[in-house]
Protein backbone atom coordinates (compact mmCIF):
# COMPACT_ATOMS: atom_id res chain seq x y z
CA MET A 1 0.00 0.00 0.00
CA GLY A 2 1.27 3.45 -0.91
CA LYS A 3 1.58 6.24 1.59
CA LYS A 4 -1.46 8.35 2.28
CA PRO A 5 -1.11 11.69 0.53
CA GLU A 6 -0.40 14.48 3.00
CA PRO A 7 -3.02 17.24 3.19
CA PRO A 8 -1.84 20.42 1.45
CA LYS A 9 -0.12 22.86 3.80
CA ARG A 10 -1.99 26.06 4.55
CA MET A 11 -0.44 29.07 2.83
CA LEU A 12 0.91 31.50 5.39
CA LEU A 13 0.09 35.18 5.50
CA GLY A 14 2.87 37.74 5.89
CA ARG A 15 6.22 38.16 4.23
CA PRO A 16 9.29 36.09 5.17
CA SER A 17 12.11 38.05 6.78
CA ASN A 18 15.33 37.51 8.72
CA ASN A 19 14.39 40.39 11.02
CA VAL A 20 11.13 39.38 12.67
CA LYS A 21 9.23 41.91 14.78
CA MET A 22 6.98 40.52 17.53
CA GLY A 23 4.56 42.59 19.60
CA ILE A 24 3.56 41.66 23.17
CA VAL A 25 -0.20 42.09 23.50
CA GLY A 26 -2.76 41.52 26.27
CA LEU A 27 -4.92 43.20 28.88
CA PRO A 28 -3.24 45.52 31.41
CA ASN A 29 -1.45 43.86 34.36
CA VAL A 30 -1.05 40.38 32.87
CA GLY A 31 2.78 40.42 32.87
CA LYS A 32 3.60 41.91 29.45
CA SER A 33 6.25 44.43 30.55
CA SER A 34 7.74 41.94 33.02
CA MET A 35 8.05 39.39 30.23
CA PHE A 36 9.61 42.04 27.98
CA ASN A 37 12.19 42.78 30.71
CA ILE A 38 13.03 39.09 31.06
CA MET A 39 13.36 38.48 27.30
CA SER A 40 15.35 41.65 26.64
CA LYS A 41 17.30 41.89 29.94
CA LEU A 42 16.21 45.55 30.05
CA SER A 43 14.37 47.32 32.85
CA VAL A 44 11.18 49.11 31.87
CA ALA A 45 8.32 50.16 34.13
CA ALA A 46 6.12 47.22 35.17
CA GLU A 47 3.78 48.68 37.75
CA ASN A 48 0.56 47.41 39.29
CA PHE A 49 -1.85 49.72 37.48
CA PRO A 50 -3.36 49.84 33.97
CA PHE A 51 -1.55 51.68 31.15
CA CYS A 52 1.80 51.69 32.95
CA THR A 53 3.25 51.36 29.41
CA ILE A 54 2.03 54.04 26.98
CA ASP A 55 4.72 54.47 24.35
CA PRO A 56 5.90 51.03 23.21
CA ASN A 57 9.27 49.79 24.46
CA VAL A 58 11.39 48.12 21.78
CA ALA A 59 14.37 45.77 22.10
CA ARG A 60 16.42 43.67 19.65
CA VAL A 61 17.66 40.38 21.05
CA PRO A 62 19.80 37.65 19.43
CA VAL A 63 18.05 34.33 18.78
CA PRO A 64 19.97 31.46 20.44
CA ASP A 65 20.78 28.78 17.85
CA ALA A 66 23.33 25.99 18.35
CA ARG A 67 23.51 25.50 14.54
CA PHE A 68 24.72 29.09 14.09
CA LYS A 69 27.55 28.52 16.58
CA GLU A 70 28.58 25.31 14.84
CA LEU A 71 28.64 26.99 11.43
CA CYS A 72 30.76 29.84 12.82
CA LYS A 73 33.21 27.29 14.26
CA LEU A 74 33.33 25.42 10.97
CA TYR A 75 33.83 28.38 8.63
CA SER A 76 35.41 31.06 10.91
CA PRO A 77 33.68 34.00 9.21
CA ALA A 78 35.15 37.52 9.41
CA SER A 79 32.06 38.62 11.34
CA GLU A 80 29.33 36.74 13.19
CA VAL A 81 25.83 38.25 12.98
CA PRO A 82 23.15 36.07 14.60
CA ALA A 83 19.46 36.22 13.71
CA MET A 84 17.77 38.98 15.70
CA LEU A 85 14.27 39.23 17.13
CA THR A 86 12.74 42.67 17.63
CA ILE A 87 10.30 42.70 20.56
CA THR A 88 7.80 45.51 21.14
CA ASP A 89 6.07 45.86 24.52
CA ILE A 90 2.65 47.27 23.55
CA ALA A 91 0.45 48.89 26.20
CA GLY A 92 -2.52 46.92 27.55
CA LEU A 93 -5.69 46.78 25.47
CA VAL A 94 -9.12 46.94 27.09
CA LYS A 95 -12.71 46.27 26.03
CA GLY A 96 -13.68 49.01 23.58
CA ALA A 97 -10.11 49.59 22.35
CA SER A 98 -11.28 49.37 18.72
CA GLU A 99 -13.43 52.46 19.42
CA GLY A 100 -10.61 54.29 21.19
CA ALA A 101 -11.12 53.17 24.82
CA GLY A 102 -7.96 53.22 26.92
CA LEU A 103 -5.91 54.94 24.19
CA GLY A 104 -6.88 51.94 22.07
CA ASN A 105 -6.41 53.47 18.62
CA ALA A 106 -2.75 54.33 19.31
CA PHE A 107 -2.06 50.88 20.77
CA LEU A 108 -3.72 49.08 17.85
CA SER A 109 -1.55 51.04 15.40
CA HIS A 110 1.52 49.73 17.28
CA ILE A 111 0.28 46.17 16.69
CA ARG A 112 -0.12 46.86 12.97
CA ALA A 113 3.63 47.59 12.75
CA VAL A 114 4.75 44.10 13.94
CA ASP A 115 4.98 40.77 12.08
CA GLY A 116 3.55 38.54 14.79
CA ILE A 117 1.97 38.64 18.24
CA PHE A 118 2.90 37.22 21.64
CA HIS A 119 -0.55 37.16 23.27
CA VAL A 120 0.00 37.17 27.05
CA CYS A 121 -2.81 36.20 29.40
CA ARG A 122 -2.93 35.91 33.18
CA ALA A 123 -3.79 32.58 34.82
CA PHE A 124 -2.69 33.29 38.42
CA GLU A 125 -4.47 34.74 41.45
CA ASP A 126 -2.82 37.57 43.36
CA LYS A 127 -4.77 40.10 45.42
CA GLU A 128 -1.79 42.47 45.21
CA VAL A 129 -2.02 42.66 41.40
CA ALA A 130 -5.16 44.45 40.16
CA HIS A 131 -7.14 42.98 37.25
CA VAL A 132 -8.84 45.40 34.88
CA GLU A 133 -11.90 43.09 34.70
CA ASP A 134 -11.92 42.56 38.53
CA SER A 135 -11.45 38.76 38.30
CA VAL A 136 -9.06 36.20 36.80
CA ASP A 137 -10.53 34.49 33.73
CA PRO A 138 -7.95 34.08 30.93
CA VAL A 139 -10.45 32.64 28.44
CA ARG A 140 -12.65 35.73 28.83
CA ASP A 141 -9.57 37.95 28.55
CA LEU A 142 -8.37 36.23 25.36
CA GLY A 143 -11.84 36.71 23.90
CA ILE A 144 -11.76 40.45 24.69
CA ILE A 145 -8.46 40.97 22.88
CA HIS A 146 -9.47 38.85 19.87
CA ASN A 147 -12.76 40.73 19.56
CA GLU A 148 -11.04 44.13 19.63
CA LEU A 149 -8.53 43.08 16.95
CA ARG A 150 -11.33 41.68 14.79
CA LEU A 151 -13.48 44.81 15.16
CA LYS A 152 -10.57 46.99 14.06
CA ASP A 153 -10.06 44.80 10.97
CA ILE A 154 -13.80 45.05 10.20
CA GLU A 155 -13.55 48.84 10.40
CA GLN A 156 -10.57 48.80 8.01
CA CYS A 157 -12.44 46.57 5.52
CA LYS A 158 -15.53 48.79 5.58
CA THR A 159 -13.44 51.92 5.02
CA TYR A 160 -11.79 50.31 1.97
CA ILE A 161 -15.10 49.01 0.57
CA ASP A 162 -16.90 52.33 1.08
CA SER A 163 -14.18 54.20 -0.83
CA ASN A 164 -14.33 51.77 -3.78
CA LYS A 165 -17.92 50.48 -3.99
CA ASN A 166 -19.19 53.16 -6.40
CA LEU A 167 -16.51 52.32 -8.97
CA ALA A 168 -17.03 48.58 -8.35
CA SER A 169 -20.80 48.87 -8.90
CA LYS A 170 -20.17 50.70 -12.20
CA LYS A 171 -17.57 48.06 -13.20
CA ALA A 172 -15.09 50.91 -13.52
CA LEU A 173 -12.25 49.24 -11.61
CA SER A 174 -9.31 47.68 -13.44
CA LYS A 175 -9.06 43.88 -13.37
CA ASP A 176 -6.43 43.97 -10.59
CA LYS A 177 -8.33 46.56 -8.55
CA GLN A 178 -11.54 44.55 -8.89
CA PHE A 179 -9.72 41.48 -7.59
CA ASP A 180 -8.43 43.52 -4.63
CA TYR A 181 -11.97 44.76 -3.94
CA ASP A 182 -13.47 41.25 -4.12
CA THR A 183 -10.76 39.95 -1.76
CA ILE A 184 -11.56 42.62 0.83
CA VAL A 185 -15.29 41.88 0.52
CA LYS A 186 -14.50 38.20 1.18
CA THR A 187 -12.31 39.26 4.14
CA LEU A 188 -15.17 41.26 5.65
CA GLU A 189 -17.45 38.21 5.38
CA VAL A 190 -14.85 36.09 7.21
CA LEU A 191 -14.45 38.67 9.99
CA GLU A 192 -18.18 39.24 10.43
CA SER A 193 -18.64 35.48 10.80
CA GLY A 194 -16.46 35.71 13.93
CA LYS A 195 -13.25 34.30 12.42
CA ASP A 196 -9.77 35.78 12.20
CA VAL A 197 -8.35 36.54 8.75
CA ARG A 198 -5.69 33.85 9.22
CA ALA A 199 -8.31 31.19 10.04
CA ALA A 200 -9.69 31.26 6.47
CA GLU A 201 -8.28 29.61 3.35
CA TRP A 202 -6.59 32.00 0.90
CA ASP A 203 -4.79 31.47 -2.38
CA GLY A 204 -1.45 33.06 -3.25
CA LYS A 205 -2.95 36.01 -5.12
CA GLU A 206 -5.37 36.82 -2.29
CA ILE A 207 -2.51 36.67 0.21
CA GLU A 208 -0.64 39.30 -1.79
CA VAL A 209 -3.63 41.62 -1.35
CA LEU A 210 -4.04 40.82 2.36
CA ASN A 211 -0.36 41.48 3.04
CA THR A 212 -0.74 45.04 1.78
CA MET A 213 -3.56 45.63 4.29
CA GLN A 214 -1.64 44.45 7.40
CA PHE A 215 -4.76 43.13 9.10
CA LEU A 216 -4.34 42.60 12.84
CA THR A 217 -6.02 39.17 12.82
CA ALA A 218 -3.81 38.02 9.93
CA LYS A 219 -0.70 38.12 12.10
CA PRO A 220 0.61 34.80 13.49
CA MET A 221 0.09 34.48 17.22
CA ILE A 222 1.75 32.60 20.09
CA TYR A 223 -0.18 32.43 23.36
CA LEU A 224 1.92 32.90 26.51
CA VAL A 225 0.05 31.90 29.67
CA ASN A 226 1.45 33.56 32.78
CA VAL A 227 0.96 31.16 35.71
CA SER A 228 2.15 31.27 39.31
CA LYS A 229 5.57 29.93 40.26
CA LYS A 230 3.87 27.08 42.13
CA SER A 231 1.78 26.06 39.07
CA TYR A 232 4.80 26.31 36.76
CA ILE A 233 6.93 24.02 38.94
CA ALA A 234 4.01 21.59 39.38
CA LYS A 235 3.38 21.68 35.59
CA GLY A 236 -0.33 22.19 36.10
CA ASN A 237 -2.91 24.96 36.18
CA LYS A 238 -6.71 24.73 36.17
CA TRP A 239 -7.02 27.21 33.29
CA LEU A 240 -4.66 25.50 30.83
CA PRO A 241 -7.16 22.92 29.45
CA LYS A 242 -9.77 25.67 28.94
CA ILE A 243 -7.24 27.93 27.22
CA HIS A 244 -6.10 25.04 25.00
CA GLU A 245 -9.74 24.34 24.05
CA PHE A 246 -10.31 28.03 23.26
CA VAL A 247 -7.21 28.24 21.05
CA GLN A 248 -7.94 24.96 19.24
CA GLY A 249 -11.48 26.17 18.57
CA ARG A 250 -10.13 29.17 16.67
CA GLY A 251 -8.73 26.84 13.99
CA CYS A 252 -5.37 28.58 13.55
CA GLU A 253 -3.07 25.87 14.99
CA ASP A 254 -1.40 28.35 17.35
CA LEU A 255 1.13 27.47 20.04
CA VAL A 256 0.19 27.77 23.72
CA ILE A 257 3.20 28.13 26.06
CA PRO A 258 2.79 28.30 29.86
CA PHE A 259 5.43 30.40 31.65
CA SER A 260 5.82 32.14 34.99
CA VAL A 261 7.04 35.73 35.30
CA ALA A 262 7.66 35.13 39.03
CA PHE A 263 9.81 32.05 38.33
CA GLU A 264 11.71 33.59 35.39
CA GLN A 265 12.36 36.77 37.39
CA GLU A 266 13.91 34.73 40.20
CA VAL A 267 16.14 32.90 37.70
CA MET A 268 17.22 36.15 36.06
CA ASP A 269 17.94 37.82 39.42
CA ALA A 270 20.05 34.79 40.44
CA GLU A 271 22.03 34.98 37.17
CA ILE A 272 22.71 38.70 37.65
CA SER A 273 23.82 38.30 41.27
């Protein structure tokens, strides 16, 4: 018996690059700035109140890769330049950000400038750390952020369609412009059905159009779940199965990575001292 044919791989949105820019996104007080400090070894404000970060903090960090070191040993190049990751610590989004709540419009424009998203959510209880929604529920929090990103993309689609629909109705658009218009109409239908742009199937030509629009929900996403030190060491947290179910249900095959700011901070402090 011959091998079963593999299902075709989904075409990826975005443009390949050796200089990837990732934005850290989430509600206020979930550990975004603390995680930025740990990843970048910098020290930016990480206070216990919403909108502690207003202007985005940016850092470039080398990507550890044993293969790179081996190649350098083998070929002894005149200079060694590792792959770099640019990380942007974006201020916390809140419900209503797509309509400007909590300085939302400025923050959403910062997200548009990155290639991918680290979506941080909080899965630990701590009475000393305020929660903008007054209770810990990471699945609800993830839903808030996704909804705000989707609403902003819907607004962008409608703006584009409104500025082109008269010409489209008169069949006055060029063939390429008509294709662009039809692709954005299809995108709006996807978004209004509750899906992210990247959850739908697109062909190569459609992806070229989508890449020019820089939709927020088209960006690849990695979920970082901030748990307590105790949960991280025990390798268990009551919210993780629910978060996994939520992410799987979105149909984008995204990674979910539990981590602990408290644990990582202790490790970093020990390394420094």
